[in-house]
Amino acid sequence: MDENDKTREFEAIAMPHLDAAYNLARWLTRNDHQAEDLVQNAFLRAFRFFDGFRGDDARAWLLTIVRNTYFSSLREERHDHVQFDEELLGAEEGEEGELSVAGGMNPEEAMMARDTQREVHQALEKLPPAFREVIVLKEMNDLSYKEIAEITGVPLGTVMSRLARARKQLGEILKGGR
């Protein structure tokens, strides 16, 4: 297979999962710019090792690479990623416009939806990384328990346990915040 064919095949397989990859990267890094860099690095790695892809679930394969790229970068950098309040506010302002226009909501409904979304995002930020990761993969990327187990490299029972504990903690955080 020549390089152009490989590129076209990779794009056909990988690009439909770009949003899922970014969503996971965003929740792992907690920063829009770092998430973009992470996805770019992960897609470069995926392309480099595309010959090893055996046609299994492309989304799970790519999300595994995103996750592994993130943890590799953490080991290399040895520092925590910090998200500033301005970035949170900037992201929420963009979402507000999307909610009111795309959702066909009136201004009051859009404001309530934005507030709820902000509360959930803030609660997610308070979860330990392992819990936040499974919640994002399950609830935001709609992955199966088996896919999450493959991506995270933990047993299926651990995924189920983490998800149950994450949901419970998320509920407790949300109840305490109201």
C-alpha atoms as a PDB file:
ATOM      1  CA  MET A   1       0.000   0.000   0.000  1.00  0.00           C
ATOM      2  CA  ASP A   2       1.472   3.358  -0.980  1.00  0.00           C
ATOM      3  CA  GLU A   3       1.545   6.352   1.367  1.00  0.00           C
ATOM      4  CA  ASN A   4      -1.468   8.075  -0.257  1.00  0.00           C
ATOM      5  CA  ASP A   5      -3.625   4.954   0.094  1.00  0.00           C
ATOM      6  CA  LYS A   6      -2.542   4.577   3.717  1.00  0.00           C
ATOM      7  CA  THR A   7      -3.410   8.226   4.397  1.00  0.00           C
ATOM      8  CA  ARG A   8      -6.856   7.923   2.788  1.00  0.00           C
ATOM      9  CA  GLU A   9      -7.635   4.700   4.654  1.00  0.00           C
ATOM     10  CA  PHE A  10      -6.455   6.168   7.961  1.00  0.00           C
ATOM     11  CA  GLU A  11      -8.563   9.287   7.462  1.00  0.00           C
ATOM     12  CA  ALA A  12     -11.637   7.203   6.611  1.00  0.00           C
ATOM     13  CA  ILE A  13     -11.206   5.096   9.740  1.00  0.00           C
ATOM     14  CA  ALA A  14      -9.938   7.686  12.233  1.00  0.00           C
ATOM     15  CA  MET A  15     -11.602  10.991  11.402  1.00  0.00           C
ATOM     16  CA  PRO A  16     -15.160   9.938  12.364  1.00  0.00           C
ATOM     17  CA  HIS A  17     -13.823   9.491  15.914  1.00  0.00           C
ATOM     18  CA  LEU A  18     -12.067  12.861  16.179  1.00  0.00           C
ATOM     19  CA  ASP A  19     -14.790  14.364  18.405  1.00  0.00           C
ATOM     20  CA  ALA A  20     -14.701  11.388  20.789  1.00  0.00           C
ATOM     21  CA  ALA A  21     -10.907  11.622  20.951  1.00  0.00           C
ATOM     22  CA  TYR A  22     -11.035  15.347  21.692  1.00  0.00           C
ATOM     23  CA  ASN A  23     -13.765  14.867  24.307  1.00  0.00           C
ATOM     24  CA  LEU A  24     -11.654  12.323  26.179  1.00  0.00           C
ATOM     25  CA  ALA A  25      -8.522  14.452  25.802  1.00  0.00           C
ATOM     26  CA  ARG A  26     -10.361  17.512  27.108  1.00  0.00           C
ATOM     27  CA  TRP A  27     -11.467  15.714  30.242  1.00  0.00           C
ATOM     28  CA  LEU A  28      -8.059  14.178  30.815  1.00  0.00           C
ATOM     29  CA  THR A  29      -6.083  17.388  30.358  1.00  0.00           C
ATOM     30  CA  ARG A  30      -8.761  19.820  31.609  1.00  0.00           C
ATOM     31  CA  ASN A  31      -7.476  22.333  29.077  1.00  0.00           C
ATOM     32  CA  ASP A  32      -8.636  23.040  25.514  1.00  0.00           C
ATOM     33  CA  HIS A  33      -5.190  23.752  24.075  1.00  0.00           C
ATOM     34  CA  GLN A  34      -3.561  20.770  25.753  1.00  0.00           C
ATOM     35  CA  ALA A  35      -6.424  18.583  24.545  1.00  0.00           C
ATOM     36  CA  GLU A  36      -5.862  19.731  20.963  1.00  0.00           C
ATOM     37  CA  ASP A  37      -2.142  18.975  21.265  1.00  0.00           C
ATOM     38  CA  LEU A  38      -2.880  15.612  22.840  1.00  0.00           C
ATOM     39  CA  VAL A  39      -5.268  14.613  20.053  1.00  0.00           C
ATOM     40  CA  GLN A  40      -2.785  15.723  17.419  1.00  0.00           C
ATOM     41  CA  ASN A  41       0.008  13.694  19.033  1.00  0.00           C
ATOM     42  CA  ALA A  42      -2.259  10.696  19.472  1.00  0.00           C
ATOM     43  CA  PHE A  43      -3.402  10.794  15.851  1.00  0.00           C
ATOM     44  CA  LEU A  44       0.222  11.039  14.719  1.00  0.00           C
ATOM     45  CA  ARG A  45       1.026   7.958  16.787  1.00  0.00           C
ATOM     46  CA  ALA A  46      -2.036   6.185  15.442  1.00  0.00           C
ATOM     47  CA  PHE A  47      -0.998   6.966  11.877  1.00  0.00           C
ATOM     48  CA  ARG A  48       2.562   5.837  12.560  1.00  0.00           C
ATOM     49  CA  PHE A  49       1.289   2.479  13.857  1.00  0.00           C
ATOM     50  CA  PHE A  50      -1.684   2.203  11.513  1.00  0.00           C
ATOM     51  CA  ASP A  51      -0.167  -0.848   9.822  1.00  0.00           C
ATOM     52  CA  GLY A  52      -0.722  -2.682  13.129  1.00  0.00           C
ATOM     53  CA  PHE A  53      -4.448  -1.867  13.216  1.00  0.00           C
ATOM     54  CA  ARG A  54      -6.361  -5.075  12.521  1.00  0.00           C
ATOM     55  CA  GLY A  55      -9.780  -3.637  11.773  1.00  0.00           C
ATOM     56  CA  ASP A  56     -11.193  -4.020  15.250  1.00  0.00           C
ATOM     57  CA  ASP A  57     -13.148  -1.193  16.862  1.00  0.00           C
ATOM     58  CA  ALA A  58     -11.444   1.942  15.521  1.00  0.00           C
ATOM     59  CA  ARG A  59     -12.963   4.208  18.176  1.00  0.00           C
ATOM     60  CA  ALA A  60     -11.709   2.069  21.059  1.00  0.00           C
ATOM     61  CA  TRP A  61      -8.297   1.757  19.364  1.00  0.00           C
ATOM     62  CA  LEU A  62      -7.976   5.528  18.944  1.00  0.00           C
ATOM     63  CA  LEU A  63      -9.241   6.343  22.445  1.00  0.00           C
ATOM     64  CA  THR A  64      -6.707   3.900  23.861  1.00  0.00           C
ATOM     65  CA  ILE A  65      -3.976   5.745  21.989  1.00  0.00           C
ATOM     66  CA  VAL A  66      -5.275   9.110  23.262  1.00  0.00           C
ATOM     67  CA  ARG A  67      -5.262   7.819  26.817  1.00  0.00           C
ATOM     68  CA  ASN A  68      -1.814   6.229  26.540  1.00  0.00           C
ATOM     69  CA  THR A  69      -0.399   9.364  24.909  1.00  0.00           C
ATOM     70  CA  TYR A  70      -1.755  11.438  27.780  1.00  0.00           C
ATOM     71  CA  PHE A  71      -0.252   9.232  30.486  1.00  0.00           C
ATOM     72  CA  SER A  72       3.046   9.042  28.604  1.00  0.00           C
ATOM     73  CA  SER A  73       3.193  12.824  28.461  1.00  0.00           C
ATOM     74  CA  LEU A  74       2.474  13.011  32.201  1.00  0.00           C
ATOM     75  CA  ARG A  75       5.367  10.695  32.921  1.00  0.00           C
ATOM     76  CA  GLU A  76       7.618  12.764  30.674  1.00  0.00           C
ATOM     77  CA  GLU A  77       6.606  16.147  32.048  1.00  0.00           C
ATOM     78  CA  ARG A  78       6.133  15.170  35.706  1.00  0.00           C
ATOM     79  CA  HIS A  79       3.787  18.043  36.457  1.00  0.00           C
ATOM     80  CA  ASP A  80       0.076  18.490  36.908  1.00  0.00           C
ATOM     81  CA  HIS A  81      -2.106  20.207  34.367  1.00  0.00           C
ATOM     82  CA  VAL A  82      -3.866  23.254  35.758  1.00  0.00           C
ATOM     83  CA  GLN A  83      -7.017  24.746  34.361  1.00  0.00           C
ATOM     84  CA  PHE A  84      -7.597  28.435  34.912  1.00  0.00           C
ATOM     85  CA  ASP A  85     -10.986  29.953  35.647  1.00  0.00           C
ATOM     86  CA  GLU A  86     -10.761  32.097  32.518  1.00  0.00           C
ATOM     87  CA  GLU A  87     -10.614  28.961  30.364  1.00  0.00           C
ATOM     88  CA  LEU A  88     -13.673  27.522  32.064  1.00  0.00           C
ATOM     89  CA  LEU A  89     -15.590  30.741  31.576  1.00  0.00           C
ATOM     90  CA  GLY A  90     -14.486  31.049  27.964  1.00  0.00           C
ATOM     91  CA  ALA A  91     -15.622  27.513  27.170  1.00  0.00           C
ATOM     92  CA  GLU A  92     -18.966  28.068  28.860  1.00  0.00           C
ATOM     93  CA  GLU A  93     -19.622  31.266  26.946  1.00  0.00           C
ATOM     94  CA  GLY A  94     -19.211  29.387  23.671  1.00  0.00           C
ATOM     95  CA  GLU A  95     -21.497  26.606  24.854  1.00  0.00           C
ATOM     96  CA  GLU A  96     -24.167  29.117  25.820  1.00  0.00           C
ATOM     97  CA  GLY A  97     -24.502  30.305  22.236  1.00  0.00           C
ATOM     98  CA  GLU A  98     -24.615  26.753  20.953  1.00  0.00           C
ATOM     99  CA  LEU A  99     -27.315  25.784  23.415  1.00  0.00           C
ATOM    100  CA  SER A 100     -29.616  28.673  22.667  1.00  0.00           C
ATOM    101  CA  VAL A 101     -29.262  28.520  18.891  1.00  0.00           C
ATOM    102  CA  ALA A 102     -28.758  24.838  18.182  1.00  0.00           C
ATOM    103  CA  GLY A 103     -31.213  23.604  20.790  1.00  0.00           C
ATOM    104  CA  GLY A 104     -33.982  25.971  19.774  1.00  0.00           C
ATOM    105  CA  MET A 105     -34.402  26.957  23.422  1.00  0.00           C
ATOM    106  CA  ASN A 106     -35.764  30.207  24.697  1.00  0.00           C
ATOM    107  CA  PRO A 107     -33.266  32.323  26.670  1.00  0.00           C
ATOM    108  CA  GLU A 108     -34.494  31.106  30.064  1.00  0.00           C
ATOM    109  CA  GLU A 109     -34.254  27.436  29.078  1.00  0.00           C
ATOM    110  CA  ALA A 110     -30.813  28.020  27.570  1.00  0.00           C
ATOM    111  CA  MET A 111     -29.623  29.714  30.764  1.00  0.00           C
ATOM    112  CA  MET A 112     -30.947  26.866  32.939  1.00  0.00           C
ATOM    113  CA  ALA A 113     -29.367  24.250  30.666  1.00  0.00           C
ATOM    114  CA  ARG A 114     -26.057  26.134  30.734  1.00  0.00           C
ATOM    115  CA  ASP A 115     -26.167  26.363  34.522  1.00  0.00           C
ATOM    116  CA  THR A 116     -26.890  22.644  34.832  1.00  0.00           C
ATOM    117  CA  GLN A 117     -24.109  21.846  32.386  1.00  0.00           C
ATOM    118  CA  ARG A 118     -21.697  24.064  34.332  1.00  0.00           C
ATOM    119  CA  GLU A 119     -22.637  22.336  37.603  1.00  0.00           C
ATOM    120  CA  VAL A 120     -22.094  18.888  36.098  1.00  0.00           C
ATOM    121  CA  HIS A 121     -18.747  19.914  34.582  1.00  0.00           C
ATOM    122  CA  GLN A 122     -17.598  21.400  37.877  1.00  0.00           C
ATOM    123  CA  ALA A 123     -18.665  18.238  39.701  1.00  0.00           C
ATOM    124  CA  LEU A 124     -16.794  16.096  37.150  1.00  0.00           C
ATOM    125  CA  GLU A 125     -13.671  18.166  37.766  1.00  0.00           C
ATOM    126  CA  LYS A 126     -13.848  17.199  41.456  1.00  0.00           C
ATOM    127  CA  LEU A 127     -13.834  13.461  40.763  1.00  0.00           C
ATOM    128  CA  PRO A 128     -10.581  11.514  40.995  1.00  0.00           C
ATOM    129  CA  PRO A 129      -9.059  10.994  37.523  1.00  0.00           C
ATOM    130  CA  ALA A 130      -9.890   7.265  37.356  1.00  0.00           C
ATOM    131  CA  PHE A 131     -13.557   7.985  38.105  1.00  0.00           C
ATOM    132  CA  ARG A 132     -13.733  10.979  35.788  1.00  0.00           C
ATOM    133  CA  GLU A 133     -12.225   8.904  32.996  1.00  0.00           C
ATOM    134  CA  VAL A 134     -14.829   6.117  33.148  1.00  0.00           C
ATOM    135  CA  ILE A 135     -17.718   8.591  33.424  1.00  0.00           C
ATOM    136  CA  VAL A 136     -16.515  10.479  30.353  1.00  0.00           C
ATOM    137  CA  LEU A 137     -15.976   7.298  28.363  1.00  0.00           C
ATOM    138  CA  LYS A 138     -19.368   5.855  29.311  1.00  0.00           C
ATOM    139  CA  GLU A 139     -21.694   8.840  29.513  1.00  0.00           C
ATOM    140  CA  MET A 140     -20.146  11.227  27.000  1.00  0.00           C
ATOM    141  CA  ASN A 141     -18.677   8.788  24.479  1.00  0.00           C
ATOM    142  CA  ASP A 142     -21.305   6.067  24.973  1.00  0.00           C
ATOM    143  CA  LEU A 143     -18.747   3.257  25.116  1.00  0.00           C
ATOM    144  CA  SER A 144     -19.575  -0.204  26.396  1.00  0.00           C
ATOM    145  CA  TYR A 145     -18.050  -1.540  29.610  1.00  0.00           C
ATOM    146  CA  LYS A 146     -15.917  -3.888  27.506  1.00  0.00           C
ATOM    147  CA  GLU A 147     -14.601  -1.021  25.366  1.00  0.00           C
ATOM    148  CA  ILE A 148     -13.801   1.018  28.481  1.00  0.00           C
ATOM    149  CA  ALA A 149     -11.952  -1.960  29.971  1.00  0.00           C
ATOM    150  CA  GLU A 150      -9.891  -2.288  26.785  1.00  0.00           C
ATOM    151  CA  ILE A 151      -9.111   1.435  26.664  1.00  0.00           C
ATOM    152  CA  THR A 152      -8.177   1.774  30.338  1.00  0.00           C
ATOM    153  CA  GLY A 153      -6.461  -1.592  30.609  1.00  0.00           C
ATOM    154  CA  VAL A 154      -8.404  -2.633  33.703  1.00  0.00           C
ATOM    155  CA  PRO A 155     -10.709  -5.624  34.223  1.00  0.00           C
ATOM    156  CA  LEU A 156     -14.389  -5.321  33.335  1.00  0.00           C
ATOM    157  CA  GLY A 157     -15.393  -5.607  36.996  1.00  0.00           C
ATOM    158  CA  THR A 158     -13.126  -2.714  37.891  1.00  0.00           C
ATOM    159  CA  VAL A 159     -14.748  -0.578  35.191  1.00  0.00           C
ATOM    160  CA  MET A 160     -18.192  -1.382  36.546  1.00  0.00           C
ATOM    161  CA  SER A 161     -17.096  -0.672  40.120  1.00  0.00           C
ATOM    162  CA  ARG A 162     -15.408   2.606  39.206  1.00  0.00           C
ATOM    163  CA  LEU A 163     -18.420   3.704  37.218  1.00  0.00           C
ATOM    164  CA  ALA A 164     -20.810   2.936  40.083  1.00  0.00           C
ATOM    165  CA  ARG A 165     -18.574   4.732  42.574  1.00  0.00           C
ATOM    166  CA  ALA A 166     -18.088   7.661  40.189  1.00  0.00           C
ATOM    167  CA  ARG A 167     -21.833   8.050  39.680  1.00  0.00           C
ATOM    168  CA  LYS A 168     -22.408   7.927  43.430  1.00  0.00           C
ATOM    169  CA  GLN A 169     -19.691  10.508  44.123  1.00  0.00           C
ATOM    170  CA  LEU A 170     -20.946  12.715  41.293  1.00  0.00           C
ATOM    171  CA  GLY A 171     -24.456  12.595  42.750  1.00  0.00           C
ATOM    172  CA  GLU A 172     -23.146  13.491  46.208  1.00  0.00           C
ATOM    173  CA  ILE A 173     -21.135  16.409  44.804  1.00  0.00           C
ATOM    174  CA  LEU A 174     -24.152  17.684  42.869  1.00  0.00           C
ATOM    175  CA  LYS A 175     -26.446  17.390  45.887  1.00  0.00           C
ATOM    176  CA  GLY A 176     -23.961  19.272  48.034  1.00  0.00           C
ATOM    177  CA  GLY A 177     -23.611  22.031  45.457  1.00  0.00           C
ATOM    178  CA  ARG A 178     -27.317  22.875  45.362  1.00  0.00           C
END
